[in-house]
Protein backbone atom coordinates (compact mmCIF):
# COMPACT_ATOMS: atom_id res chain seq x y z
CA UNK A 1 6.89 -17.64 8.14
CA UNK A 2 8.72 -15.06 10.24
CA UNK A 3 9.29 -12.97 7.09
CA UNK A 4 5.54 -12.85 6.52
CA UNK A 5 4.90 -11.71 10.08
CA UNK A 6 7.64 -9.07 9.79
CA UNK A 7 6.10 -7.88 6.52
CA UNK A 8 2.66 -7.60 8.11
CA UNK A 9 4.15 -5.71 11.04
CA UNK A 10 5.88 -3.24 8.72
CA UNK A 11 2.65 -2.80 6.77
CA UNK A 12 0.80 -1.84 9.95
CA UNK A 13 3.59 0.54 11.01
CA UNK A 14 3.49 2.35 7.67
CA UNK A 15 -0.30 2.35 7.51
CA UNK A 16 -0.52 3.65 11.06
CA UNK A 17 1.97 6.43 10.32
CA UNK A 18 -0.11 7.60 7.36
CA UNK A 19 -3.26 7.80 9.49
CA UNK A 20 -1.41 9.44 12.40
CA UNK A 21 0.54 12.02 10.40
CA UNK A 22 -1.93 12.90 7.62
CA UNK A 23 -5.54 12.13 8.59
CA UNK A 24 -6.92 14.90 6.37
CA UNK A 25 -5.12 13.45 3.35
CA UNK A 26 -6.57 10.01 4.07
CA UNK A 27 -10.08 11.49 4.28
CA UNK A 28 -9.69 13.38 1.00
CA UNK A 29 -8.35 10.30 -0.74
CA UNK A 30 -11.24 8.19 0.59
CA UNK A 31 -13.74 10.78 -0.67
CA UNK A 32 -12.17 10.69 -4.15
CA UNK A 33 -12.16 6.89 -4.49
CA UNK A 34 -15.73 6.64 -5.86
CA UNK A 35 -14.78 9.09 -8.62
CA UNK A 36 -11.80 7.07 -9.86
CA UNK A 37 -12.37 4.54 -12.63
CA UNK A 38 -12.12 0.89 -11.56
CA UNK A 39 -9.59 0.17 -14.29
CA UNK A 40 -7.29 2.91 -13.01
CA UNK A 41 -7.53 1.65 -9.42
CA UNK A 42 -6.88 -1.90 -10.59
CA UNK A 43 -3.87 -0.69 -12.58
CA UNK A 44 -2.40 1.10 -9.56
CA UNK A 45 -3.03 -1.99 -7.43
CA UNK A 46 -1.29 -4.27 -9.90
CA UNK A 47 1.61 -1.83 -10.20
CA UNK A 48 1.97 -1.83 -6.40
CA UNK A 49 1.95 -5.63 -6.35
CA UNK A 50 4.57 -5.78 -9.11
CA UNK A 51 6.76 -3.24 -7.29
CA UNK A 52 6.45 -5.20 -4.04
CA UNK A 53 7.38 -8.46 -5.74
CA UNK A 54 10.34 -6.74 -7.41
CA UNK A 55 11.61 -5.36 -4.09
CA UNK A 56 11.31 -8.75 -2.39
CA UNK A 57 13.01 -10.42 -5.35
CA UNK A 58 15.91 -7.95 -5.24
CA UNK A 59 16.35 -8.22 -1.46
CA UNK A 60 15.95 -11.99 -1.20
CA UNK A 61 17.81 -12.71 -4.43
């Protein structure tokens, strides 16, 4: 359970850094989202999930 809480904390740190350091980039990306095909977004999301699972698998063995 503590690993989950640590993971959530790290997520918020990284997310917060993106908004704090590059707010214009976040706005531009948000404006472009409606123009991106759902299948492409879904593909990127699944790739991110797979990468996250891979990293956890490598670290936790």
